[in-house]
Structures are given as C-alpha cells and as structure tokens.
N, C-alpha and C. Protein backbone atom coordinates (compact mmCIF):
# COMPACT_ATOMS: atom_id res chain seq x y z
N PHE A 1 91.62 101.52 98.18
CA PHE A 1 93.00 101.87 98.43
C PHE A 1 93.93 101.03 97.55
N ALA A 2 94.96 101.66 97.03
CA ALA A 2 95.97 100.94 96.27
C ALA A 2 96.92 100.27 97.25
N VAL A 3 97.37 99.09 96.89
CA VAL A 3 98.34 98.38 97.71
C VAL A 3 99.61 98.20 96.89
N TYR A 4 100.73 98.55 97.50
CA TYR A 4 102.03 98.39 96.87
C TYR A 4 102.66 97.14 97.46
N ASN A 5 102.84 96.12 96.63
CA ASN A 5 103.30 94.81 97.10
C ASN A 5 104.81 94.68 97.07
N TYR A 6 105.33 94.02 98.10
CA TYR A 6 106.75 93.73 98.22
C TYR A 6 106.91 92.26 98.58
N LEU A 7 108.02 91.69 98.15
CA LEU A 7 108.38 90.34 98.53
C LEU A 7 109.52 90.43 99.54
N LEU A 8 109.27 89.93 100.74
CA LEU A 8 110.27 89.91 101.80
C LEU A 8 110.88 88.53 101.82
N ASP A 9 112.20 88.46 101.62
CA ASP A 9 112.94 87.20 101.56
C ASP A 9 113.90 87.19 102.75
N ILE A 10 113.70 86.26 103.68
CA ILE A 10 114.47 86.23 104.93
C ILE A 10 115.15 84.87 105.10
N THR A 11 116.42 84.89 105.50
CA THR A 11 117.13 83.69 105.93
C THR A 11 117.50 83.91 107.39
N THR A 12 117.11 82.96 108.25
CA THR A 12 117.34 83.14 109.68
C THR A 12 118.51 82.29 110.17
N TRP A 13 118.97 82.65 111.37
CA TRP A 13 120.16 82.05 111.96
C TRP A 13 119.81 81.26 113.22
N ASN A 14 118.60 81.35 113.72
CA ASN A 14 118.22 80.65 114.95
C ASN A 14 118.39 79.14 114.80
N LYS A 15 118.88 78.48 115.85
CA LYS A 15 119.01 77.02 115.82
C LYS A 15 117.65 76.36 115.97
N SER A 16 116.79 76.94 116.80
CA SER A 16 115.45 76.38 117.02
C SER A 16 114.46 76.97 116.02
N VAL A 17 113.44 76.22 115.72
CA VAL A 17 112.39 76.69 114.82
C VAL A 17 111.60 77.79 115.52
N ARG A 18 111.28 78.83 114.78
CA ARG A 18 110.47 79.94 115.29
C ARG A 18 109.24 80.07 114.41
N ARG A 19 108.08 80.28 115.04
CA ARG A 19 106.85 80.54 114.31
C ARG A 19 106.31 81.88 114.76
N GLY A 20 105.92 82.70 113.79
CA GLY A 20 105.39 83.99 114.17
C GLY A 20 105.12 84.88 112.97
N PHE A 21 104.99 86.16 113.27
CA PHE A 21 104.59 87.15 112.28
C PHE A 21 105.66 88.23 112.18
N ILE A 22 105.83 88.76 110.98
CA ILE A 22 106.78 89.84 110.74
C ILE A 22 106.00 91.08 110.33
N LYS A 23 106.32 92.20 110.97
CA LYS A 23 105.78 93.49 110.57
C LYS A 23 106.95 94.29 110.01
N VAL A 24 106.76 94.91 108.85
CA VAL A 24 107.82 95.69 108.20
C VAL A 24 107.44 97.16 108.21
N LYS A 25 108.39 98.01 108.59
CA LYS A 25 108.22 99.47 108.48
C LYS A 25 109.31 99.96 107.55
N ILE A 26 108.91 100.81 106.60
CA ILE A 26 109.92 101.44 105.75
C ILE A 26 109.80 102.96 105.91
N THR A 27 110.95 103.61 105.91
CA THR A 27 111.03 105.05 106.13
C THR A 27 111.83 105.67 105.00
N ASP A 28 111.39 106.84 104.53
CA ASP A 28 112.15 107.54 103.49
C ASP A 28 113.06 108.58 104.14
N TYR A 29 113.82 109.30 103.32
CA TYR A 29 114.78 110.28 103.84
C TYR A 29 114.11 111.48 104.51
N ALA A 30 112.83 111.74 104.21
CA ALA A 30 112.10 112.84 104.84
C ALA A 30 111.48 112.44 106.17
N GLY A 31 111.59 111.14 106.53
CA GLY A 31 111.03 110.67 107.80
C GLY A 31 109.63 110.09 107.68
N ASN A 32 109.07 110.02 106.48
CA ASN A 32 107.75 109.40 106.28
C ASN A 32 107.87 107.90 106.45
N THR A 33 106.95 107.31 107.22
CA THR A 33 107.00 105.88 107.53
C THR A 33 105.67 105.22 107.18
N VAL A 34 105.75 104.00 106.61
CA VAL A 34 104.56 103.18 106.37
C VAL A 34 104.82 101.80 106.94
N GLU A 35 103.73 101.17 107.42
CA GLU A 35 103.81 99.82 107.98
C GLU A 35 103.14 98.83 107.05
N SER A 36 103.63 97.62 107.07
CA SER A 36 103.12 96.57 106.20
C SER A 36 101.77 96.04 106.66
N GLU A 37 101.06 95.52 105.71
CA GLU A 37 99.83 94.78 105.95
C GLU A 37 100.08 93.38 105.41
N MET A 38 100.18 92.39 106.32
CA MET A 38 100.51 91.03 105.91
C MET A 38 99.34 90.10 106.14
N ASN A 39 99.46 88.91 105.54
CA ASN A 39 98.38 87.95 105.75
C ASN A 39 98.39 87.45 107.18
N SER A 40 97.33 86.79 107.59
CA SER A 40 97.14 86.43 109.00
C SER A 40 97.78 85.09 109.38
N GLU A 41 98.48 84.44 108.46
CA GLU A 41 99.09 83.15 108.75
C GLU A 41 100.49 83.34 109.34
N ALA A 42 100.80 82.58 110.38
CA ALA A 42 102.14 82.63 110.97
C ALA A 42 103.13 81.95 110.02
N SER A 43 104.33 82.49 109.95
CA SER A 43 105.39 81.89 109.14
C SER A 43 106.27 81.04 110.02
N THR A 44 106.89 80.02 109.43
CA THR A 44 107.82 79.15 110.15
C THR A 44 109.23 79.48 109.68
N PHE A 45 110.11 79.76 110.63
CA PHE A 45 111.49 80.12 110.33
C PHE A 45 112.41 79.05 110.89
N GLN A 46 113.24 78.46 110.00
CA GLN A 46 114.20 77.44 110.39
C GLN A 46 115.60 77.92 110.05
N GLN A 47 116.59 77.40 110.76
CA GLN A 47 117.96 77.85 110.56
C GLN A 47 118.41 77.63 109.11
N TYR A 48 118.94 78.68 108.51
CA TYR A 48 119.50 78.70 107.16
C TYR A 48 118.49 78.38 106.06
N LYS A 49 117.20 78.45 106.34
CA LYS A 49 116.16 78.22 105.33
C LYS A 49 115.55 79.56 104.96
N ARG A 50 115.39 79.80 103.65
CA ARG A 50 114.79 81.04 103.18
C ARG A 50 113.28 80.97 103.30
N VAL A 51 112.70 82.08 103.73
CA VAL A 51 111.25 82.21 103.81
C VAL A 51 110.87 83.44 102.99
N LYS A 52 109.91 83.27 102.10
CA LYS A 52 109.43 84.39 101.29
C LYS A 52 108.03 84.75 101.76
N ILE A 53 107.84 86.05 102.03
CA ILE A 53 106.56 86.55 102.55
C ILE A 53 106.10 87.70 101.67
N LEU A 54 104.86 87.63 101.22
CA LEU A 54 104.27 88.73 100.45
C LEU A 54 103.69 89.74 101.43
N THR A 55 104.06 90.99 101.26
CA THR A 55 103.56 92.04 102.14
C THR A 55 103.13 93.24 101.29
N GLY A 56 102.26 94.05 101.84
CA GLY A 56 101.76 95.21 101.10
C GLY A 56 101.74 96.46 101.96
N PHE A 57 101.85 97.60 101.30
CA PHE A 57 101.80 98.90 101.95
C PHE A 57 100.75 99.74 101.24
N TYR A 58 100.07 100.62 101.97
CA TYR A 58 99.04 101.47 101.38
C TYR A 58 99.63 102.73 100.75
N GLN A 59 100.92 102.99 100.98
CA GLN A 59 101.61 104.10 100.35
C GLN A 59 102.89 103.57 99.73
N ASP A 60 103.35 104.24 98.68
CA ASP A 60 104.60 103.86 98.04
C ASP A 60 105.71 104.79 98.52
N ILE A 61 106.81 104.22 98.91
CA ILE A 61 107.97 105.02 99.33
C ILE A 61 109.05 104.77 98.27
N GLU A 62 109.48 105.84 97.62
CA GLU A 62 110.44 105.69 96.53
C GLU A 62 111.87 105.50 97.00
N LYS A 63 112.34 106.38 97.86
CA LYS A 63 113.73 106.33 98.29
C LYS A 63 113.78 105.93 99.76
N ILE A 64 113.93 104.63 99.98
CA ILE A 64 113.92 104.07 101.33
C ILE A 64 115.26 104.34 102.01
N SER A 65 115.19 104.89 103.22
CA SER A 65 116.41 105.13 103.98
C SER A 65 116.57 104.13 105.12
N LYS A 66 115.45 103.52 105.55
CA LYS A 66 115.50 102.62 106.71
C LYS A 66 114.41 101.56 106.59
N ILE A 67 114.76 100.33 106.94
CA ILE A 67 113.80 99.22 107.00
C ILE A 67 113.87 98.64 108.40
N SER A 68 112.71 98.51 109.06
CA SER A 68 112.63 97.93 110.40
C SER A 68 111.73 96.71 110.35
N LEU A 69 112.16 95.64 111.01
CA LEU A 69 111.35 94.43 111.12
C LEU A 69 111.02 94.18 112.58
N THR A 70 109.79 93.76 112.83
CA THR A 70 109.37 93.36 114.17
C THR A 70 108.83 91.94 114.08
N PHE A 71 109.36 91.05 114.91
CA PHE A 71 108.92 89.66 114.95
C PHE A 71 108.05 89.48 116.19
N SER A 72 106.91 88.84 116.01
CA SER A 72 105.98 88.61 117.12
C SER A 72 105.33 87.25 116.97
N THR A 73 105.09 86.59 118.10
CA THR A 73 104.35 85.33 118.08
C THR A 73 102.86 85.58 118.23
N LYS A 74 102.47 86.80 118.52
CA LYS A 74 101.07 87.21 118.74
C LYS A 74 100.36 86.25 119.66
N THR A 75 99.40 85.50 119.16
CA THR A 75 98.60 84.63 120.02
C THR A 75 99.14 83.21 120.11
N LEU A 76 100.29 82.94 119.48
CA LEU A 76 100.85 81.60 119.57
C LEU A 76 101.33 81.33 120.99
N ILE A 77 101.14 80.12 121.44
CA ILE A 77 101.50 79.74 122.81
C ILE A 77 103.02 79.55 122.90
N GLY A 78 103.59 79.97 124.00
CA GLY A 78 105.01 79.77 124.24
C GLY A 78 105.70 81.05 124.61
N PRO A 79 106.97 80.95 125.03
CA PRO A 79 107.72 82.14 125.44
C PRO A 79 108.07 83.01 124.24
N LYS A 80 108.41 84.27 124.53
CA LYS A 80 108.82 85.18 123.47
C LYS A 80 110.27 84.89 123.10
N HIS A 81 110.56 84.96 121.81
CA HIS A 81 111.90 84.71 121.31
C HIS A 81 112.30 85.78 120.32
N LYS A 82 113.60 85.88 120.12
CA LYS A 82 114.13 86.75 119.08
C LYS A 82 114.24 85.96 117.79
N LEU A 83 114.19 86.67 116.69
CA LEU A 83 114.41 86.07 115.38
C LEU A 83 115.72 86.66 114.87
N ARG A 84 116.72 85.83 114.75
CA ARG A 84 118.04 86.29 114.31
C ARG A 84 118.11 86.15 112.79
N ILE A 85 118.26 87.29 112.13
CA ILE A 85 118.23 87.31 110.67
C ILE A 85 119.64 87.33 110.12
N LEU A 86 119.92 86.38 109.24
CA LEU A 86 121.22 86.29 108.60
C LEU A 86 121.26 87.13 107.32
N GLN A 87 120.16 87.09 106.57
CA GLN A 87 120.07 87.84 105.31
C GLN A 87 118.62 88.22 105.06
N MET A 88 118.41 89.40 104.47
CA MET A 88 117.06 89.87 104.17
C MET A 88 117.07 90.68 102.88
N THR A 89 116.04 90.49 102.06
CA THR A 89 115.85 91.29 100.85
C THR A 89 114.39 91.73 100.81
N LEU A 90 114.15 92.99 100.49
CA LEU A 90 112.81 93.52 100.31
C LEU A 90 112.73 94.04 98.88
N LYS A 91 111.90 93.40 98.04
CA LYS A 91 111.84 93.74 96.63
C LYS A 91 110.43 94.20 96.27
N SER A 92 110.35 95.33 95.61
CA SER A 92 109.05 95.87 95.17
C SER A 92 108.55 95.06 93.98
N LEU A 93 107.32 94.59 94.05
CA LEU A 93 106.71 93.87 92.93
C LEU A 93 106.05 94.85 91.95
N ASN A 94 105.62 96.02 92.45
CA ASN A 94 105.02 97.03 91.60
C ASN A 94 106.07 97.77 90.78
N ASN A 95 107.26 97.93 91.35
CA ASN A 95 108.37 98.64 90.69
C ASN A 95 109.63 97.77 90.78
N PRO A 96 109.73 96.72 89.97
CA PRO A 96 110.84 95.76 90.10
C PRO A 96 112.24 96.36 89.86
N GLU A 97 112.31 97.54 89.25
CA GLU A 97 113.61 98.16 89.01
C GLU A 97 114.24 98.72 90.29
N ARG A 98 113.47 98.82 91.36
CA ARG A 98 114.01 99.33 92.63
C ARG A 98 114.75 98.24 93.37
C-alpha cells in the first residue's frame, strides 16, 4: 500500500501538560474520508509549545473540505482531558505545493 505522508504541526493552549495520541480524519468535497495511521508513541503537549507529528494516509485526498482531530490518552493512566488547540497546520509531504 502507498502511504501519503503529512506533517501535523499543533500548538496547544492547555495550562497543564497533556500526553496522548492524535487521530486525523480528512474529508473531501464529495464526502470521502480517510483516517490517519500514526506511530504508537504518545505525544506530549505543553502550553504554547509546537508539536510536530508525522502521520500517513493510505489514500490521497486532493481537495480537503474538512479536517477532524481526535485526542485520546488510550491506555495512559489518568482522567480524560480535552486538548485545546490554538493553531494547527497539516502539510502534505508528498505534494508540498498543497
């Protein structure tokens, strides 16, 4: 399978440190949706610190109409928290002109 790689660049607003996983869904104007395949390591999110995450999709979506992010702690111990995002960029590494 071909993998289309993207760099997800996130700056968070939470005052407390958050550790967890991000799942990205992208949807085109026709309603086709693909979900990301990310590495198995939890990311650490701190207030006003940028985090860059490499993610891949098994299909390429040319004209993105919607991007959805889901934050999860999965098996990490502790209560569930929200991840407040201040800024986010999703850049295609296969097609940098997008």
